[in-house]
């Protein structure tokens, strides 16, 4: 599933590609996780979390930008995942997003994986695995 979330203020964009690994659903975030895209990100995360009892991985290896509101959306998603009996796992966190999580002490709250999830038997990194659904939302 792919959701394109456009920020109403600055034209920011966040694309979320959802696919299923052998272990759990994966949300691949690309673009800007920020003030103008956080609400849309939260809506899409809620769709993935509903009905899940285990972990949901969030691939943070490709966001171009992450601010405090974006981190807040991740905190809200982790809270909702725990309420549903699951966990949110952040994978491949790097750059500004990693710095923000560390400075705020959030790297102690989230389960962190050093590398992004890799689908087995698919194309090169960055390709959407076969069988992933695509949805465009604005």
N, C-alpha and C. Protein backbone atom coordinates (compact mmCIF):
# COMPACT_ATOMS: atom_id res chain seq x y z
N UNK A 1 0.85 -1.15 0.00
CA UNK A 1 0.00 0.00 0.00
C UNK A 1 0.90 1.22 0.00
N UNK A 2 0.59 2.21 -0.78
CA UNK A 2 1.37 3.44 -0.81
C UNK A 2 0.45 4.61 -0.54
N UNK A 3 0.84 5.45 0.39
CA UNK A 3 0.08 6.65 0.70
C UNK A 3 0.96 7.86 0.48
N UNK A 4 0.48 8.82 -0.27
CA UNK A 4 1.21 10.05 -0.51
C UNK A 4 0.55 11.13 0.32
N UNK A 5 1.28 11.70 1.27
CA UNK A 5 0.74 12.69 2.19
C UNK A 5 1.41 14.01 1.88
N UNK A 6 0.63 15.01 1.49
CA UNK A 6 1.18 16.31 1.15
C UNK A 6 0.87 17.30 2.24
N UNK A 7 1.91 18.03 2.67
CA UNK A 7 1.73 19.06 3.68
C UNK A 7 1.02 20.27 3.09
N UNK A 8 0.13 20.85 3.85
CA UNK A 8 -0.67 21.96 3.33
C UNK A 8 0.03 23.31 3.42
N UNK A 9 1.10 23.39 4.19
CA UNK A 9 1.72 24.69 4.41
C UNK A 9 2.89 24.93 3.45
N UNK A 10 3.85 24.01 3.42
CA UNK A 10 5.07 24.23 2.64
C UNK A 10 5.19 23.32 1.43
N UNK A 11 4.22 22.48 1.19
CA UNK A 11 4.33 21.55 0.08
C UNK A 11 5.19 20.35 0.41
N UNK A 12 5.38 20.08 1.72
CA UNK A 12 6.14 18.90 2.13
C UNK A 12 5.43 17.65 1.66
N UNK A 13 6.18 16.59 1.49
CA UNK A 13 5.57 15.35 1.05
C UNK A 13 6.19 14.18 1.79
N UNK A 14 5.34 13.24 2.18
CA UNK A 14 5.77 12.00 2.80
C UNK A 14 5.07 10.87 2.07
N UNK A 15 5.85 9.92 1.59
CA UNK A 15 5.30 8.74 0.93
C UNK A 15 5.52 7.56 1.86
N UNK A 16 4.45 6.82 2.12
CA UNK A 16 4.54 5.65 2.99
C UNK A 16 4.19 4.43 2.15
N UNK A 17 5.14 3.51 2.04
CA UNK A 17 4.91 2.26 1.32
C UNK A 17 4.82 1.17 2.37
N UNK A 18 3.71 0.44 2.37
CA UNK A 18 3.50 -0.63 3.34
C UNK A 18 3.62 -1.97 2.63
N UNK A 19 4.46 -2.83 3.17
CA UNK A 19 4.63 -4.18 2.63
C UNK A 19 4.82 -5.14 3.79
N UNK A 20 4.73 -6.41 3.52
CA UNK A 20 4.83 -7.41 4.58
C UNK A 20 6.10 -8.23 4.40
N UNK A 21 6.94 -8.19 5.43
CA UNK A 21 8.13 -9.04 5.44
C UNK A 21 7.71 -10.43 5.92
N UNK A 22 8.66 -11.32 6.02
CA UNK A 22 8.37 -12.66 6.54
C UNK A 22 8.00 -12.60 8.01
N UNK A 23 8.35 -11.51 8.69
CA UNK A 23 8.16 -11.40 10.14
C UNK A 23 6.99 -10.50 10.53
N UNK A 24 6.86 -9.33 9.88
CA UNK A 24 5.84 -8.37 10.27
C UNK A 24 5.59 -7.36 9.14
N UNK A 25 4.53 -6.55 9.29
CA UNK A 25 4.32 -5.46 8.32
C UNK A 25 5.44 -4.44 8.44
N UNK A 26 5.79 -3.83 7.32
CA UNK A 26 6.83 -2.80 7.29
C UNK A 26 6.25 -1.54 6.67
N UNK A 27 6.45 -0.41 7.35
CA UNK A 27 6.09 0.90 6.81
C UNK A 27 7.37 1.60 6.38
N UNK A 28 7.52 1.80 5.10
CA UNK A 28 8.72 2.42 4.53
C UNK A 28 8.41 3.90 4.32
N UNK A 29 9.01 4.78 5.14
CA UNK A 29 8.75 6.22 5.07
C UNK A 29 9.78 6.90 4.19
N UNK A 30 9.31 7.67 3.21
CA UNK A 30 10.19 8.40 2.29
C UNK A 30 9.70 9.84 2.19
N UNK A 31 10.59 10.78 2.43
CA UNK A 31 10.21 12.19 2.34
C UNK A 31 10.37 12.87 3.68
N UNK A 32 9.41 13.73 4.00
CA UNK A 32 9.52 14.57 5.18
C UNK A 32 8.48 14.19 6.24
N UNK A 33 8.98 13.75 7.39
CA UNK A 33 8.13 13.44 8.54
C UNK A 33 8.20 14.68 9.43
N UNK A 34 7.24 15.58 9.24
CA UNK A 34 7.34 16.89 9.88
C UNK A 34 5.96 17.42 10.27
N UNK A 35 5.93 18.65 10.71
CA UNK A 35 4.71 19.29 11.19
C UNK A 35 3.56 19.13 10.22
N UNK A 36 3.81 19.33 8.94
CA UNK A 36 2.72 19.33 7.97
C UNK A 36 2.31 17.94 7.50
N UNK A 37 3.12 16.91 7.79
CA UNK A 37 2.77 15.55 7.35
C UNK A 37 2.49 14.60 8.52
N UNK A 38 2.70 15.05 9.75
CA UNK A 38 2.57 14.18 10.93
C UNK A 38 1.16 13.62 11.08
N UNK A 39 0.13 14.44 10.89
CA UNK A 39 -1.24 13.96 11.06
C UNK A 39 -1.58 12.88 10.03
N UNK A 40 -1.18 13.08 8.79
CA UNK A 40 -1.41 12.07 7.76
C UNK A 40 -0.65 10.81 8.04
N UNK A 41 0.57 10.95 8.55
CA UNK A 41 1.38 9.79 8.92
C UNK A 41 0.69 9.00 10.03
N UNK A 42 0.14 9.70 11.00
CA UNK A 42 -0.56 9.03 12.10
C UNK A 42 -1.77 8.25 11.60
N UNK A 43 -2.53 8.84 10.67
CA UNK A 43 -3.69 8.15 10.11
C UNK A 43 -3.28 6.86 9.41
N UNK A 44 -2.24 6.93 8.59
CA UNK A 44 -1.79 5.75 7.86
C UNK A 44 -1.23 4.69 8.82
N UNK A 45 -0.52 5.12 9.86
CA UNK A 45 0.01 4.19 10.85
C UNK A 45 -1.12 3.47 11.57
N UNK A 46 -2.18 4.20 11.90
CA UNK A 46 -3.34 3.58 12.55
C UNK A 46 -3.93 2.47 11.69
N UNK A 47 -4.00 2.68 10.37
CA UNK A 47 -4.52 1.64 9.47
C UNK A 47 -3.69 0.37 9.53
N UNK A 48 -2.37 0.53 9.63
CA UNK A 48 -1.48 -0.64 9.67
C UNK A 48 -1.56 -1.33 11.03
N UNK A 49 -1.71 -0.55 12.09
CA UNK A 49 -1.71 -1.12 13.44
C UNK A 49 -2.98 -1.89 13.78
N UNK A 50 -4.10 -1.52 13.20
CA UNK A 50 -5.38 -2.15 13.53
C UNK A 50 -5.30 -3.65 13.22
N UNK A 51 -5.61 -4.45 14.22
CA UNK A 51 -5.64 -5.90 14.04
C UNK A 51 -4.29 -6.57 14.18
N UNK A 52 -3.24 -5.83 14.47
CA UNK A 52 -1.90 -6.42 14.63
C UNK A 52 -1.66 -6.71 16.10
N UNK A 53 -1.10 -7.86 16.41
CA UNK A 53 -0.78 -8.16 17.80
C UNK A 53 0.72 -8.23 18.03
N UNK A 54 1.50 -8.23 16.97
CA UNK A 54 2.95 -8.30 17.11
C UNK A 54 3.56 -6.96 16.72
N UNK A 55 4.74 -7.00 16.22
CA UNK A 55 5.47 -5.79 15.87
C UNK A 55 5.10 -5.28 14.48
N UNK A 56 5.23 -3.97 14.33
CA UNK A 56 5.17 -3.30 13.03
C UNK A 56 6.49 -2.55 12.90
N UNK A 57 7.23 -2.80 11.83
CA UNK A 57 8.51 -2.13 11.62
C UNK A 57 8.30 -0.85 10.81
N UNK A 58 9.02 0.20 11.19
CA UNK A 58 9.00 1.46 10.45
C UNK A 58 10.41 1.69 9.92
N UNK A 59 10.55 1.67 8.60
CA UNK A 59 11.84 1.88 7.96
C UNK A 59 12.09 3.38 7.88
N UNK A 60 13.05 3.86 8.68
CA UNK A 60 13.38 5.29 8.71
C UNK A 60 14.73 5.56 8.05
N UNK A 61 15.11 4.74 7.08
CA UNK A 61 16.39 4.94 6.41
C UNK A 61 16.31 5.97 5.30
N UNK A 62 15.09 6.38 4.88
CA UNK A 62 14.99 7.27 3.74
C UNK A 62 14.30 8.61 3.97
N UNK A 63 13.81 8.94 5.18
CA UNK A 63 13.22 10.28 5.31
C UNK A 63 14.26 11.36 5.05
N UNK A 64 13.87 12.37 4.30
CA UNK A 64 14.77 13.49 4.02
C UNK A 64 14.85 14.43 5.22
N UNK A 65 13.80 14.40 6.06
CA UNK A 65 13.73 15.35 7.17
C UNK A 65 12.79 14.80 8.23
N UNK A 66 13.09 15.07 9.49
CA UNK A 66 12.22 14.69 10.60
C UNK A 66 12.33 15.78 11.65
N UNK A 67 11.18 16.31 12.09
CA UNK A 67 11.21 17.33 13.14
C UNK A 67 10.50 16.80 14.39
N UNK A 68 10.30 17.67 15.36
CA UNK A 68 9.70 17.28 16.63
C UNK A 68 8.28 16.74 16.43
N UNK A 69 7.51 17.34 15.54
CA UNK A 69 6.15 16.84 15.27
C UNK A 69 6.20 15.45 14.65
N UNK A 70 7.19 15.21 13.80
CA UNK A 70 7.35 13.88 13.21
C UNK A 70 7.69 12.86 14.28
N UNK A 71 8.58 13.23 15.21
CA UNK A 71 8.91 12.34 16.32
C UNK A 71 7.68 12.11 17.19
N UNK A 72 6.86 13.16 17.36
CA UNK A 72 5.63 13.02 18.12
C UNK A 72 4.67 12.03 17.48
N UNK A 73 4.62 12.01 16.15
CA UNK A 73 3.78 11.04 15.45
C UNK A 73 4.27 9.61 15.72
N UNK A 74 5.59 9.44 15.77
CA UNK A 74 6.16 8.11 16.08
C UNK A 74 5.83 7.70 17.52
N UNK A 75 5.90 8.66 18.44
CA UNK A 75 5.57 8.36 19.85
C UNK A 75 4.10 7.94 19.96
N UNK A 76 3.22 8.67 19.28
CA UNK A 76 1.80 8.32 19.29
C UNK A 76 1.56 6.93 18.70
N UNK A 77 2.28 6.61 17.63
CA UNK A 77 2.15 5.28 17.01
C UNK A 77 2.63 4.19 17.96
N UNK A 78 3.71 4.44 18.67
CA UNK A 78 4.22 3.46 19.63
C UNK A 78 3.20 3.25 20.75
N UNK A 79 2.60 4.33 21.21
CA UNK A 79 1.59 4.24 22.27
C UNK A 79 0.39 3.41 21.80
N UNK A 80 -0.08 3.68 20.57
CA UNK A 80 -1.22 2.92 20.04
C UNK A 80 -0.85 1.46 19.82
N UNK A 81 0.36 1.20 19.37
CA UNK A 81 0.80 -0.19 19.17
C UNK A 81 0.79 -0.94 20.50
N UNK A 82 1.29 -0.31 21.55
CA UNK A 82 1.29 -0.95 22.87
C UNK A 82 -0.12 -1.19 23.39
N UNK A 83 -1.02 -0.23 23.16
CA UNK A 83 -2.41 -0.41 23.58
C UNK A 83 -3.04 -1.61 22.90
N UNK A 84 -2.61 -1.90 21.67
CA UNK A 84 -3.14 -3.02 20.91
C UNK A 84 -2.35 -4.31 21.16
N UNK A 85 -1.39 -4.26 22.08
CA UNK A 85 -0.62 -5.45 22.43
C UNK A 85 0.59 -5.70 21.56
N UNK A 86 1.00 -4.71 20.78
CA UNK A 86 2.16 -4.87 19.89
C UNK A 86 3.25 -3.87 20.20
N UNK A 87 4.19 -3.76 19.30
CA UNK A 87 5.29 -2.81 19.43
C UNK A 87 5.59 -2.19 18.08
N UNK A 88 6.11 -0.99 18.09
CA UNK A 88 6.60 -0.32 16.90
C UNK A 88 8.12 -0.44 16.93
N UNK A 89 8.71 -0.97 15.87
CA UNK A 89 10.15 -1.14 15.79
C UNK A 89 10.67 -0.17 14.73
N UNK A 90 11.63 0.67 15.10
CA UNK A 90 12.22 1.62 14.15
C UNK A 90 13.49 1.01 13.58
N UNK A 91 13.57 0.98 12.27
CA UNK A 91 14.70 0.32 11.61
C UNK A 91 15.44 1.29 10.70
N UNK A 92 16.77 1.17 10.68
CA UNK A 92 17.59 1.95 9.78
C UNK A 92 17.59 3.44 10.05
N UNK A 93 17.33 3.84 11.29
CA UNK A 93 17.26 5.26 11.63
C UNK A 93 18.64 5.89 11.43
N UNK A 94 18.66 7.02 10.73
CA UNK A 94 19.93 7.70 10.48
C UNK A 94 19.73 9.20 10.37
N UNK A 95 20.83 9.92 10.27
CA UNK A 95 20.79 11.36 10.04
C UNK A 95 20.08 12.14 11.12
N UNK A 96 19.35 13.16 10.67
CA UNK A 96 18.66 14.07 11.60
C UNK A 96 17.64 13.34 12.46
N UNK A 97 16.98 12.36 11.90
CA UNK A 97 15.99 11.62 12.68
C UNK A 97 16.67 10.88 13.83
N UNK A 98 17.81 10.25 13.58
CA UNK A 98 18.55 9.56 14.64
C UNK A 98 19.02 10.54 15.71
N UNK A 99 19.51 11.70 15.28
CA UNK A 99 19.96 12.72 16.23
C UNK A 99 18.80 13.20 17.10
N UNK A 100 17.66 13.45 16.48
CA UNK A 100 16.50 13.92 17.22
C UNK A 100 16.04 12.90 18.25
N UNK A 101 15.94 11.63 17.84
CA UNK A 101 15.53 10.59 18.78
C UNK A 101 16.52 10.46 19.94
N UNK A 102 17.81 10.56 19.64
CA UNK A 102 18.82 10.42 20.68
C UNK A 102 18.78 11.61 21.65
N UNK A 103 18.73 12.82 21.12
CA UNK A 103 18.73 14.02 21.98
C UNK A 103 17.50 14.08 22.88
N UNK A 104 16.38 13.58 22.39
CA UNK A 104 15.15 13.59 23.18
C UNK A 104 15.04 12.38 24.10
N UNK A 105 16.01 11.46 24.02
CA UNK A 105 15.98 10.26 24.84
C UNK A 105 15.01 9.21 24.34
N UNK A 106 14.49 9.41 23.14
CA UNK A 106 13.51 8.48 22.60
C UNK A 106 14.15 7.19 22.09
N UNK A 107 15.45 7.20 21.89
CA UNK A 107 16.13 5.97 21.47
C UNK A 107 16.11 4.92 22.58
N UNK A 108 15.73 5.34 23.79
CA UNK A 108 15.58 4.38 24.90
C UNK A 108 14.16 3.83 25.00
N UNK A 109 13.22 4.47 24.31
CA UNK A 109 11.82 4.06 24.36
C UNK A 109 11.50 3.07 23.24
N UNK A 110 12.00 3.37 22.05
CA UNK A 110 11.70 2.54 20.88
C UNK A 110 12.64 1.35 20.78
N UNK A 111 12.15 0.28 20.19
CA UNK A 111 13.02 -0.81 19.77
C UNK A 111 13.66 -0.35 18.49
N UNK A 112 14.99 -0.37 18.42
CA UNK A 112 15.71 0.11 17.25
C UNK A 112 16.49 -1.03 16.60
N UNK A 113 16.40 -1.10 15.28
CA UNK A 113 17.21 -2.02 14.50
C UNK A 113 18.18 -1.18 13.67
N UNK A 114 19.45 -1.56 13.60
CA UNK A 114 20.43 -0.73 12.89
C UNK A 114 20.20 -0.64 11.39
N UNK A 115 19.61 -1.68 10.80
CA UNK A 115 19.42 -1.71 9.35
C UNK A 115 17.95 -1.78 8.98
N UNK A 116 17.60 -1.26 7.80
CA UNK A 116 16.20 -1.37 7.36
C UNK A 116 15.85 -2.82 7.04
N UNK A 117 14.58 -3.17 7.14
CA UNK A 117 14.16 -4.53 6.78
C UNK A 117 14.46 -4.81 5.31
N UNK A 118 14.85 -6.03 5.02
CA UNK A 118 15.16 -6.42 3.64
C UNK A 118 14.25 -7.58 3.28
N UNK A 119 13.41 -7.38 2.28
CA UNK A 119 12.55 -8.48 1.85
C UNK A 119 13.38 -9.56 1.17
N UNK A 120 13.12 -10.79 1.46
CA UNK A 120 13.88 -11.87 0.85
C UNK A 120 13.36 -12.15 -0.55
N UNK A 121 14.28 -12.42 -1.46
CA UNK A 121 13.93 -12.81 -2.81
C UNK A 121 13.36 -11.71 -3.67
N UNK A 122 13.62 -10.43 -3.34
CA UNK A 122 13.12 -9.34 -4.18
C UNK A 122 14.28 -8.58 -4.78
N UNK A 123 13.99 -7.51 -5.45
CA UNK A 123 14.99 -6.72 -6.16
C UNK A 123 15.92 -5.97 -5.23
N UNK A 124 16.66 -5.02 -5.79
CA UNK A 124 17.64 -4.25 -5.02
C UNK A 124 16.98 -3.39 -3.95
N UNK A 125 17.77 -2.94 -2.95
CA UNK A 125 17.21 -2.09 -1.90
C UNK A 125 16.50 -0.89 -2.51
N UNK A 126 15.40 -0.50 -1.88
CA UNK A 126 14.64 0.64 -2.35
C UNK A 126 13.50 0.26 -3.27
N UNK A 127 13.45 -0.99 -3.71
CA UNK A 127 12.34 -1.42 -4.56
C UNK A 127 11.21 -1.91 -3.69
N UNK A 128 10.01 -1.73 -4.16
CA UNK A 128 8.84 -2.18 -3.42
C UNK A 128 8.64 -3.67 -3.70
N UNK A 129 8.55 -4.47 -2.66
CA UNK A 129 8.37 -5.92 -2.84
C UNK A 129 7.10 -6.24 -3.61
N UNK A 130 7.15 -7.31 -4.35
CA UNK A 130 5.98 -7.80 -5.06
C UNK A 130 4.90 -8.15 -4.03
N UNK A 131 3.67 -7.83 -4.33
CA UNK A 131 2.58 -8.15 -3.42
C UNK A 131 2.23 -7.02 -2.47
N UNK A 132 2.97 -5.90 -2.53
CA UNK A 132 2.61 -4.78 -1.68
C UNK A 132 1.46 -4.02 -2.33
N UNK A 133 0.55 -3.56 -1.53
CA UNK A 133 -0.60 -2.81 -2.05
C UNK A 133 -0.21 -1.36 -2.19
N UNK A 134 -0.86 -0.64 -3.07
CA UNK A 134 -0.56 0.77 -3.27
C UNK A 134 -1.83 1.59 -3.14
N UNK A 135 -1.75 2.64 -2.34
CA UNK A 135 -2.88 3.52 -2.12
C UNK A 135 -2.36 4.94 -2.13
N UNK A 136 -3.02 5.82 -2.81
CA UNK A 136 -2.61 7.23 -2.82
C UNK A 136 -3.67 8.00 -2.07
N UNK A 137 -3.24 8.71 -1.04
CA UNK A 137 -4.15 9.52 -0.23
C UNK A 137 -3.55 10.90 -0.10
N UNK A 138 -4.38 11.92 0.03
CA UNK A 138 -3.86 13.26 0.11
C UNK A 138 -4.22 14.01 1.31
